[in-house]
Amino acid sequence: PENLMGMQAVIEQAMKSREILGISDPQTMARVLTDGVQNSLNDPRLVISYEPSTLEAPQPASAPTNLSQEELLAGLQTSIHHKVLEGNVGYLRVDDLPGQEVLSRLGSFLVTHVWKQLMGTSALVLDLRQCPGGHVSSIPYVISYLHPGNTVLHVDTIYDRPSNTTTEIWTLPQVLGERYSAEKDVVVLTSGRTGGVAEDIAYILKQMRRAIVVGERTEGGALDLQKLRIGQSNFFLTVPVSRSLGPLGGGSQTWEGSGVLPCVGTPAEQALEKAMAILTLRRSLPGVVRRLQEALQESYTLVDRVPALLHRLASMDYSTVVSEEDLITKLNAGLQAVSEDPRLLVRAVGPRETSSGPEAEDHEPPEAQPDVPKDEAAQRALVDSVFQVSVLPGNVGYLRFDSFANDSVLGVLGPYMLSQVWEP
């Protein structure tokens, strides 16, 4: 309502406009009015339409109370799909989020035939790319199965304008079946078609740091859009009548109008492939950390700093790591903060595939030594190419060489180094 300041004056000005009143085509009129309202209120969700065939305002779909168990089940099976992907990754696609009444009536079926099949997986992908919305009452159900522990969490507050009421949404103290383990990764897939309640769920899981959102920025819709007839005309106004107030977004942040920004942006059709790559990397994290700890214990020269380094590696939060670059940045920041040693550096080298996954080479290969020629003239030339020797003003000797040779090379070139380098 705070955005409506000055709107009355804009409407009165439009009513006096001969240009607008002179529009004879109602469809054109609807488009002009839509542009005017959207520009005045900076809200793309507001739409004015002309629908002469609509005798009454559109009615909501049949209420769940009017549907049999079989009809509810049939609808659910067309909107919810699940399977187990490669690497024991659970996949749950939801194209419509049913309300509390449906979930209460079909909860046992969902737990037995869907959720139990996913409980044994090592990670979960929740696909909301084709979900334009759903019922607000589904939010606590979805979040609760992914919320670790039995403590309740306040995840949202929703304001409803027609009734002028606010409703707090909390996770459920108990759920049918089991919750998904907090130790397992969750990825939410989104697209530009992900809207309404689906956006709110993606936003809440992201703010909770319970899920990595992968895909496209979501639609930026509303929890509840209603189509209202304008007076007795065939014009209708589609308007959001409720809004999310947080609290996880801190009150000032919202996904409505702007959409949920993914943690990892990628075209929607590539989001699942990207999610699988992220989960593969995250599966390797414990092994990478373990090998790094072993290397420090066995090789790091500043032995007194090793215990603190091992503790830092074990206590770091890796929940935001979604790429090799993220991991390297986090490891270097953590290790150098503890060791105060700029030489202690993790970097990426060419990966090699092992039975346990990608693994960095343990040591850099030694630098190749030059081949020592047999010919005396060539040996002298090699010394001249490796060493730069001169006498600077003030009788200052200058010697430059860019690498150290091993003793086998020095043994052969020694006499020439003495005469061509050291004696001058």
Protein backbone atom coordinates (compact mmCIF):
# COMPACT_ATOMS: atom_id res chain seq x y z
CA PRO A 1 0.00 0.00 0.00
CA GLU A 2 2.88 2.44 0.60
CA ASN A 3 3.56 2.40 -3.17
CA LEU A 4 0.12 3.85 -3.88
CA MET A 5 1.06 7.37 -2.72
CA GLY A 6 0.11 9.71 -5.55
CA MET A 7 -1.65 6.96 -7.51
CA GLN A 8 -5.03 8.70 -7.24
CA ALA A 9 -3.60 11.77 -8.95
CA VAL A 10 -2.14 9.60 -11.72
CA ILE A 11 -5.54 7.94 -12.28
CA GLU A 12 -7.33 11.28 -12.39
CA GLN A 13 -4.78 12.58 -14.89
CA ALA A 14 -5.32 9.49 -17.04
CA MET A 15 -9.10 10.03 -16.94
CA LYS A 16 -8.61 13.54 -18.33
CA SER A 17 -6.29 12.33 -21.07
CA ARG A 18 -7.99 12.47 -24.46
CA GLU A 19 -5.25 10.24 -25.83
CA ILE A 20 -6.19 7.38 -23.51
CA LEU A 21 -9.95 7.93 -23.65
CA GLY A 22 -9.73 8.01 -27.43
CA ILE A 23 -8.52 4.42 -27.65
CA SER A 24 -11.32 2.41 -29.22
CA ASP A 25 -9.78 -1.09 -29.11
CA PRO A 26 -10.22 -2.58 -25.61
CA GLN A 27 -7.17 -4.87 -25.96
CA THR A 28 -5.00 -1.86 -26.78
CA MET A 29 -6.60 0.00 -23.87
CA ALA A 30 -5.67 -2.91 -21.54
CA ARG A 31 -2.04 -2.79 -22.71
CA VAL A 32 -1.84 0.99 -22.27
CA LEU A 33 -3.34 0.79 -18.77
CA THR A 34 -0.98 -2.08 -17.85
CA ASP A 35 2.03 -0.03 -18.95
CA GLY A 36 0.78 2.95 -16.99
CA VAL A 37 0.18 1.01 -13.78
CA GLN A 38 3.45 -0.94 -14.01
CA ASN A 39 5.49 2.19 -14.66
CA SER A 40 3.77 4.18 -11.91
CA LEU A 41 4.18 1.47 -9.29
CA ASN A 42 7.35 -0.16 -10.67
CA ASP A 43 5.76 -3.58 -10.30
CA PRO A 44 5.66 -5.91 -13.34
CA ARG A 45 3.25 -8.28 -11.59
CA LEU A 46 0.32 -5.89 -12.07
CA VAL A 47 -1.56 -6.67 -15.29
CA ILE A 48 -4.81 -5.30 -16.70
CA SER A 49 -6.56 -7.59 -19.17
CA TYR A 50 -9.68 -7.42 -21.30
CA GLU A 51 -11.68 -10.67 -21.22
CA PRO A 52 -15.15 -10.25 -22.80
CA SER A 53 -15.93 -13.98 -22.65
CA THR A 54 -15.53 -14.08 -18.86
CA LEU A 55 -18.99 -13.66 -17.34
CA GLU A 56 -17.77 -13.99 -13.78
CA ALA A 57 -14.43 -13.50 -12.13
CA PRO A 58 -12.30 -16.64 -12.55
CA GLN A 59 -12.96 -19.20 -9.87
CA PRO A 60 -10.23 -21.22 -8.15
CA ALA A 61 -9.80 -24.86 -9.12
CA SER A 62 -11.85 -27.47 -7.32
CA ALA A 63 -11.08 -27.52 -3.64
CA PRO A 64 -9.35 -30.68 -2.34
CA THR A 65 -12.43 -31.43 -0.22
CA ASN A 66 -14.39 -32.03 -3.43
CA LEU A 67 -11.89 -34.54 -4.84
CA SER A 68 -11.64 -38.23 -4.05
CA GLN A 69 -8.44 -39.84 -2.77
CA GLU A 70 -7.86 -41.35 -6.23
CA GLU A 71 -8.24 -37.96 -7.97
CA LEU A 72 -5.84 -36.31 -5.54
CA LEU A 73 -3.35 -39.13 -6.04
CA ALA A 74 -3.58 -38.90 -9.83
CA GLY A 75 -2.91 -35.17 -9.70
CA LEU A 76 0.02 -35.66 -7.37
CA GLN A 77 1.63 -38.28 -9.58
CA THR A 78 1.62 -35.90 -12.56
CA SER A 79 3.30 -33.08 -10.61
CA ILE A 80 5.86 -34.98 -8.50
CA HIS A 81 8.58 -37.23 -9.98
CA HIS A 82 11.57 -38.86 -8.33
CA LYS A 83 14.50 -41.15 -9.11
CA VAL A 84 18.04 -41.94 -8.01
CA LEU A 85 20.75 -40.61 -10.30
CA GLU A 86 24.37 -41.63 -10.81
CA GLY A 87 26.53 -41.27 -7.72
CA ASN A 88 23.55 -42.09 -5.47
CA VAL A 89 22.09 -38.60 -5.93
CA GLY A 90 18.38 -38.32 -5.20
CA TYR A 91 16.30 -36.34 -7.69
CA LEU A 92 12.90 -34.87 -6.80
CA ARG A 93 11.04 -32.81 -9.38
CA VAL A 94 8.02 -30.84 -8.17
CA ASP A 95 5.89 -28.98 -10.74
CA ASP A 96 3.13 -27.94 -8.33
CA LEU A 97 3.20 -27.55 -4.56
CA PRO A 98 -0.02 -28.94 -3.04
CA GLY A 99 -1.52 -27.42 0.07
CA GLN A 100 -1.72 -28.64 3.63
CA GLU A 101 -5.00 -30.53 3.14
CA VAL A 102 -3.66 -32.61 0.25
CA LEU A 103 -0.36 -33.23 2.04
CA SER A 104 -2.22 -34.33 5.17
CA ARG A 105 -4.42 -36.76 3.23
CA LEU A 106 -1.59 -38.15 1.07
CA GLY A 107 1.32 -37.75 3.46
CA SER A 108 1.69 -41.46 4.17
CA PHE A 109 1.70 -42.26 0.45
CA LEU A 110 4.37 -39.64 -0.24
CA VAL A 111 6.60 -40.85 2.57
CA THR A 112 6.26 -44.51 1.58
CA HIS A 113 6.50 -44.22 -2.20
CA VAL A 114 8.66 -41.13 -2.68
CA TRP A 115 10.54 -39.97 0.39
CA LYS A 116 11.79 -43.37 1.56
CA GLN A 117 13.32 -43.96 -1.87
CA LEU A 118 15.35 -40.76 -1.44
CA MET A 119 16.39 -41.13 2.20
CA GLY A 120 19.27 -43.48 1.37
CA THR A 121 20.83 -41.13 -1.18
CA SER A 122 24.05 -39.22 -0.50
CA ALA A 123 22.73 -35.87 -1.82
CA LEU A 124 19.43 -34.45 -3.07
CA VAL A 125 18.47 -32.34 -6.09
CA LEU A 126 15.12 -30.53 -5.71
CA ASP A 127 14.02 -29.47 -9.19
CA LEU A 128 11.66 -26.46 -9.18
CA ARG A 129 12.41 -25.33 -12.74
CA GLN A 130 8.87 -26.12 -13.94
CA CYS A 131 7.06 -25.03 -10.77
CA PRO A 132 5.09 -21.78 -11.25
CA GLY A 133 3.85 -21.75 -7.67
CA GLY A 134 1.59 -23.58 -5.27
CA HIS A 135 -0.06 -23.29 -1.88
CA VAL A 136 1.56 -21.26 0.90
CA SER A 137 0.65 -24.02 3.37
CA SER A 138 3.15 -26.34 1.62
CA ILE A 139 6.12 -24.23 2.72
CA PRO A 140 6.52 -25.63 6.27
CA TYR A 141 6.23 -29.22 4.96
CA VAL A 142 9.00 -28.87 2.38
CA ILE A 143 11.35 -26.92 4.65
CA SER A 144 10.79 -29.22 7.63
CA TYR A 145 11.98 -32.35 5.81
CA LEU A 146 15.22 -30.55 4.93
CA HIS A 147 15.62 -28.73 8.27
CA PRO A 148 18.02 -30.65 10.50
CA GLY A 149 17.07 -31.46 14.06
CA ASN A 150 13.77 -31.24 15.89
CA THR A 151 14.02 -27.56 16.82
CA VAL A 152 11.37 -25.38 15.19
CA LEU A 153 12.55 -22.48 13.05
CA HIS A 154 10.67 -19.31 12.08
CA VAL A 155 11.19 -19.19 8.30
CA ASP A 156 8.73 -16.58 7.02
CA THR A 157 5.97 -14.14 7.89
CA ILE A 158 3.27 -13.55 5.28
CA TYR A 159 1.06 -10.47 5.14
CA ASP A 160 -2.37 -10.84 3.48
CA ARG A 161 -3.82 -7.52 2.31
CA PRO A 162 -7.54 -8.40 1.89
CA SER A 163 -7.78 -9.69 5.47
CA ASN A 164 -5.06 -7.35 6.80
CA THR A 165 -3.50 -10.24 8.72
CA THR A 166 0.01 -11.63 9.12
CA THR A 167 0.78 -15.32 9.47
CA GLU A 168 4.05 -16.70 10.81
CA ILE A 169 5.42 -19.84 9.17
CA TRP A 170 7.45 -22.22 11.34
CA THR A 171 8.97 -25.58 10.59
CA LEU A 172 7.06 -28.56 11.97
CA PRO A 173 8.18 -30.01 15.31
CA GLN A 174 7.59 -33.52 13.95
CA VAL A 175 7.31 -35.05 10.48
CA LEU A 176 6.09 -38.35 9.09
CA GLY A 177 9.09 -40.54 8.39
CA GLU A 178 12.59 -39.03 8.68
CA ARG A 179 14.20 -35.71 7.94
CA TYR A 180 16.97 -35.52 5.36
CA SER A 181 20.35 -35.60 7.11
CA ALA A 182 22.07 -32.27 7.67
CA GLU A 183 25.32 -33.93 6.58
CA LYS A 184 23.97 -34.39 3.04
CA ASP A 185 24.06 -31.69 0.37
CA VAL A 186 20.88 -30.28 -1.17
CA VAL A 187 20.75 -28.46 -4.52
CA VAL A 188 17.66 -26.54 -5.71
CA LEU A 189 17.26 -26.04 -9.48
CA THR A 190 15.50 -22.87 -10.66
CA SER A 191 14.50 -21.20 -13.91
CA GLY A 192 12.81 -18.01 -15.03
CA ARG A 193 9.53 -19.94 -14.75
CA THR A 194 10.01 -20.78 -11.07
CA GLY A 195 7.41 -18.61 -9.34
CA GLY A 196 5.49 -17.76 -6.19
CA VAL A 197 5.65 -20.33 -3.40
CA ALA A 198 8.41 -22.23 -5.22
CA GLU A 199 10.50 -19.05 -5.16
CA ASP A 200 9.86 -18.61 -1.46
CA ILE A 201 11.03 -22.17 -0.76
CA ALA A 202 14.19 -21.67 -2.83
CA TYR A 203 14.83 -18.36 -1.07
CA ILE A 204 14.32 -19.80 2.43
CA LEU A 205 16.61 -22.78 1.79
CA LYS A 206 19.26 -20.46 0.38
CA GLN A 207 19.05 -18.08 3.34
CA MET A 208 19.20 -21.03 5.75
CA ARG A 209 22.36 -22.12 3.91
CA ARG A 210 20.70 -25.50 3.61
CA ALA A 211 20.74 -25.61 -0.19
CA ILE A 212 22.81 -24.45 -3.14
CA VAL A 213 20.54 -22.78 -5.71
CA VAL A 214 21.62 -23.54 -9.29
CA GLY A 215 20.06 -22.24 -12.51
CA GLU A 216 18.42 -18.97 -13.53
CA ARG A 217 17.06 -16.03 -11.56
CA THR A 218 13.46 -16.89 -10.70
CA GLU A 219 10.36 -15.10 -11.97
CA GLY A 220 9.99 -12.57 -9.18
CA GLY A 221 6.29 -13.34 -8.79
CA ALA A 222 4.01 -13.32 -5.76
CA LEU A 223 2.75 -15.77 -3.16
CA ASP A 224 -0.86 -15.09 -4.14
CA LEU A 225 -2.03 -13.39 -7.34
CA GLN A 226 -5.74 -12.67 -7.69
CA LYS A 227 -7.69 -11.53 -10.76
CA LEU A 228 -10.25 -8.90 -9.83
CA ARG A 229 -13.01 -7.59 -12.12
CA ILE A 230 -12.83 -3.81 -12.50
CA GLY A 231 -16.35 -2.59 -11.73
CA GLN A 232 -18.96 -4.13 -14.07
CA SER A 233 -16.64 -4.08 -17.08
CA ASN A 234 -14.84 -6.87 -18.93
CA PHE A 235 -11.52 -5.52 -17.68
CA PHE A 236 -9.65 -7.38 -14.93
CA LEU A 237 -6.75 -6.48 -12.70
CA THR A 238 -4.26 -9.22 -11.74
CA VAL A 239 -2.67 -8.11 -8.49
CA PRO A 240 -0.52 -9.65 -5.72
CA VAL A 241 -2.58 -9.69 -2.54
CA SER A 242 -0.02 -11.13 -0.10
CA ARG A 243 3.70 -10.69 0.48
CA SER A 244 6.60 -12.31 2.28
CA LEU A 245 8.06 -10.26 5.13
CA GLY A 246 10.98 -12.51 6.10
CA PRO A 247 12.42 -12.94 8.72
CA LEU A 248 15.31 -14.82 7.08
CA GLY A 249 15.87 -12.04 4.57
CA GLY A 250 16.20 -9.46 7.33
CA GLY A 251 12.96 -7.71 6.36
CA SER A 252 14.55 -5.38 3.79
CA GLN A 253 15.35 -8.14 1.31
CA THR A 254 12.76 -9.91 -0.77
CA TRP A 255 12.54 -12.15 -3.81
CA GLU A 256 9.17 -10.69 -4.88
CA GLY A 257 9.47 -8.60 -8.02
CA SER A 258 13.21 -9.24 -8.32
CA GLY A 259 13.40 -13.05 -8.12
CA VAL A 260 15.77 -15.38 -6.29
CA LEU A 261 19.35 -15.02 -7.48
CA PRO A 262 21.01 -18.45 -7.80
CA CYS A 263 24.26 -19.28 -6.02
CA VAL A 264 25.53 -20.64 -9.35
CA GLY A 265 24.01 -19.10 -12.47
CA THR A 266 23.59 -21.27 -15.54
CA PRO A 267 20.92 -21.74 -18.25
CA ALA A 268 17.98 -23.73 -16.90
CA GLU A 269 18.44 -26.59 -19.34
CA GLN A 270 22.03 -27.08 -18.07
CA ALA A 271 21.22 -26.71 -14.36
CA LEU A 272 20.99 -30.44 -13.56
CA GLU A 273 24.32 -31.17 -15.26
CA LYS A 274 25.92 -28.29 -13.35
CA ALA A 275 24.40 -29.51 -10.08
CA MET A 276 25.84 -32.99 -10.62
CA ALA A 277 29.30 -31.50 -11.23
CA ILE A 278 29.03 -29.46 -8.02
CA LEU A 279 27.98 -32.53 -6.03
CA THR A 280 30.88 -34.53 -7.50
CA LEU A 281 33.28 -31.84 -6.27
CA ARG A 282 31.63 -31.71 -2.86
CA ARG A 283 31.85 -35.49 -2.52
CA SER A 284 35.61 -35.20 -2.96
CA LEU A 285 36.00 -32.49 -0.26
CA PRO A 286 36.60 -34.83 2.73
CA GLY A 287 39.30 -36.68 0.79
CA VAL A 288 41.00 -33.46 -0.31
CA VAL A 289 41.03 -32.12 3.27
CA ARG A 290 42.30 -35.44 4.62
CA ARG A 291 45.17 -35.60 2.10
CA LEU A 292 46.06 -31.99 2.87
CA GLN A 293 46.19 -32.76 6.59
CA GLU A 294 48.42 -35.76 5.93
CA ALA A 295 50.77 -33.69 3.76
CA LEU A 296 51.11 -31.04 6.49
CA GLN A 297 51.77 -33.66 9.17
CA GLU A 298 54.40 -35.43 7.09
CA SER A 299 56.16 -32.57 5.31
CA TYR A 300 55.60 -29.06 6.69
CA THR A 301 58.83 -27.71 8.13
CA LEU A 302 57.22 -25.43 10.77
CA VAL A 303 56.14 -28.34 12.94
CA ASP A 304 54.88 -26.20 15.84
CA ARG A 305 52.17 -24.69 13.59
CA VAL A 306 50.84 -28.00 12.29
CA PRO A 307 48.28 -28.67 15.10
CA ALA A 308 46.65 -25.27 14.57
CA LEU A 309 46.59 -25.82 10.80
CA LEU A 310 44.96 -29.23 11.19
CA HIS A 311 42.32 -27.73 13.49
CA ARG A 312 41.58 -24.93 11.00
CA LEU A 313 41.15 -27.41 8.15
CA ALA A 314 38.77 -29.53 10.22
CA SER A 315 36.66 -26.59 11.44
CA MET A 316 36.29 -24.55 8.24
CA ASP A 317 32.80 -24.13 6.77
CA TYR A 318 32.81 -25.66 3.28
CA SER A 319 29.05 -25.18 2.69
CA THR A 320 29.57 -22.43 0.10
CA VAL A 321 32.19 -24.27 -1.95
CA VAL A 322 30.76 -24.91 -5.42
CA SER A 323 33.91 -24.88 -7.56
CA GLU A 324 37.59 -25.75 -7.47
CA GLU A 325 38.39 -22.02 -7.39
CA ASP A 326 36.17 -21.56 -4.30
CA LEU A 327 37.98 -24.39 -2.53
CA ILE A 328 41.47 -23.10 -3.33
CA THR A 329 40.59 -19.56 -2.20
CA LYS A 330 39.09 -20.81 1.08
CA LEU A 331 41.99 -23.18 1.83
CA ASN A 332 44.66 -20.55 1.16
CA ALA A 333 42.89 -17.90 3.23
CA GLY A 334 42.51 -20.33 6.15
CA LEU A 335 46.00 -21.82 6.04
CA GLN A 336 47.86 -18.54 5.64
CA ALA A 337 45.83 -16.83 8.37
CA VAL A 338 46.98 -19.53 10.80
CA SER A 339 50.52 -20.16 9.58
CA GLU A 340 51.43 -16.55 8.64
CA ASP A 341 53.53 -18.24 5.99
CA PRO A 342 53.03 -17.02 2.38
CA ARG A 343 54.96 -20.03 1.11
CA LEU A 344 52.20 -22.38 2.28
CA LEU A 345 50.03 -22.39 -0.81
CA VAL A 346 47.39 -24.67 -2.30
CA ARG A 347 47.03 -24.44 -6.06
CA ALA A 348 45.45 -26.40 -8.87
CA VAL A 349 47.60 -28.52 -11.13
CA GLY A 350 46.59 -30.90 -13.87
CA PRO A 351 44.25 -33.45 -12.24
CA ARG A 352 44.85 -37.14 -12.54
CA GLU A 353 42.05 -39.64 -12.29
CA THR A 354 42.42 -42.28 -9.60
CA SER A 355 40.04 -44.84 -8.23
CA SER A 356 39.04 -42.37 -5.53
CA GLY A 357 38.54 -39.41 -7.87
CA PRO A 358 40.58 -36.40 -8.98
CA GLU A 359 43.75 -35.95 -6.96
CA ALA A 360 46.48 -33.34 -7.19
CA GLU A 361 50.06 -34.44 -7.84
CA ASP A 362 51.97 -34.86 -4.56
CA HIS A 363 55.15 -33.13 -5.79
CA GLU A 364 56.18 -30.92 -8.66
CA PRO A 365 58.36 -32.72 -11.17
CA PRO A 366 62.04 -31.75 -10.84
CA GLU A 367 63.23 -29.19 -13.34
CA ALA A 368 64.88 -30.79 -16.36
CA GLN A 369 68.69 -30.57 -16.38
CA PRO A 370 70.46 -29.47 -19.56
CA ASP A 371 72.09 -32.14 -21.67
CA VAL A 372 75.88 -31.73 -21.39
CA PRO A 373 77.47 -31.92 -24.83
CA LYS A 374 80.61 -34.02 -25.41
CA ASP A 375 82.35 -31.37 -27.51
CA GLU A 376 84.62 -28.95 -25.59
CA ALA A 377 83.58 -25.91 -27.64
CA ALA A 378 79.90 -26.72 -27.05
CA GLN A 379 80.56 -27.07 -23.30
CA ARG A 380 82.17 -23.62 -23.24
CA ALA A 381 79.21 -22.23 -25.18
CA LEU A 382 76.79 -23.80 -22.67
CA VAL A 383 78.59 -22.10 -19.77
CA ASP A 384 78.39 -18.75 -21.59
CA SER A 385 74.63 -19.24 -22.19
CA VAL A 386 73.87 -20.14 -18.55
CA PHE A 387 76.01 -17.55 -16.77
CA GLN A 388 76.09 -13.81 -17.34
CA VAL A 389 79.39 -12.33 -16.18
CA SER A 390 80.60 -8.74 -16.28
CA VAL A 391 82.60 -6.21 -14.28
CA LEU A 392 80.62 -3.08 -13.47
CA PRO A 393 82.00 0.44 -12.84
CA GLY A 394 83.92 0.63 -9.58
CA ASN A 395 85.36 -2.86 -10.17
CA VAL A 396 82.12 -4.56 -8.99
CA GLY A 397 81.76 -8.12 -10.20
CA TYR A 398 78.31 -9.08 -11.54
CA LEU A 399 77.20 -12.74 -11.81
CA ARG A 400 73.75 -13.87 -12.85
CA PHE A 401 72.39 -17.37 -13.29
CA ASP A 402 68.73 -18.39 -13.26
CA SER A 403 68.84 -21.99 -12.03
CA PHE A 404 71.01 -24.39 -10.07
CA ALA A 405 72.49 -27.37 -11.85
CA ASN A 406 73.05 -30.71 -10.16
CA ASP A 407 76.48 -32.08 -9.28
CA SER A 408 76.75 -34.29 -12.38
CA VAL A 409 76.48 -31.24 -14.65
CA LEU A 410 78.81 -29.17 -12.46
CA GLY A 411 81.41 -31.96 -12.48
CA VAL A 412 81.68 -31.80 -16.28
CA LEU A 413 81.48 -28.02 -16.66
CA GLY A 414 83.56 -27.16 -13.58
CA PRO A 415 86.84 -26.30 -15.39
CA TYR A 416 85.08 -23.97 -17.83
CA MET A 417 83.09 -22.30 -15.05
CA LEU A 418 86.37 -21.60 -13.24
CA SER A 419 88.02 -20.00 -16.25
CA GLN A 420 84.95 -18.31 -17.83
CA VAL A 421 83.07 -17.26 -14.70
CA TRP A 422 84.95 -17.30 -11.41
CA GLU A 423 88.37 -16.09 -12.49
CA PRO A 424 87.00 -13.00 -14.34
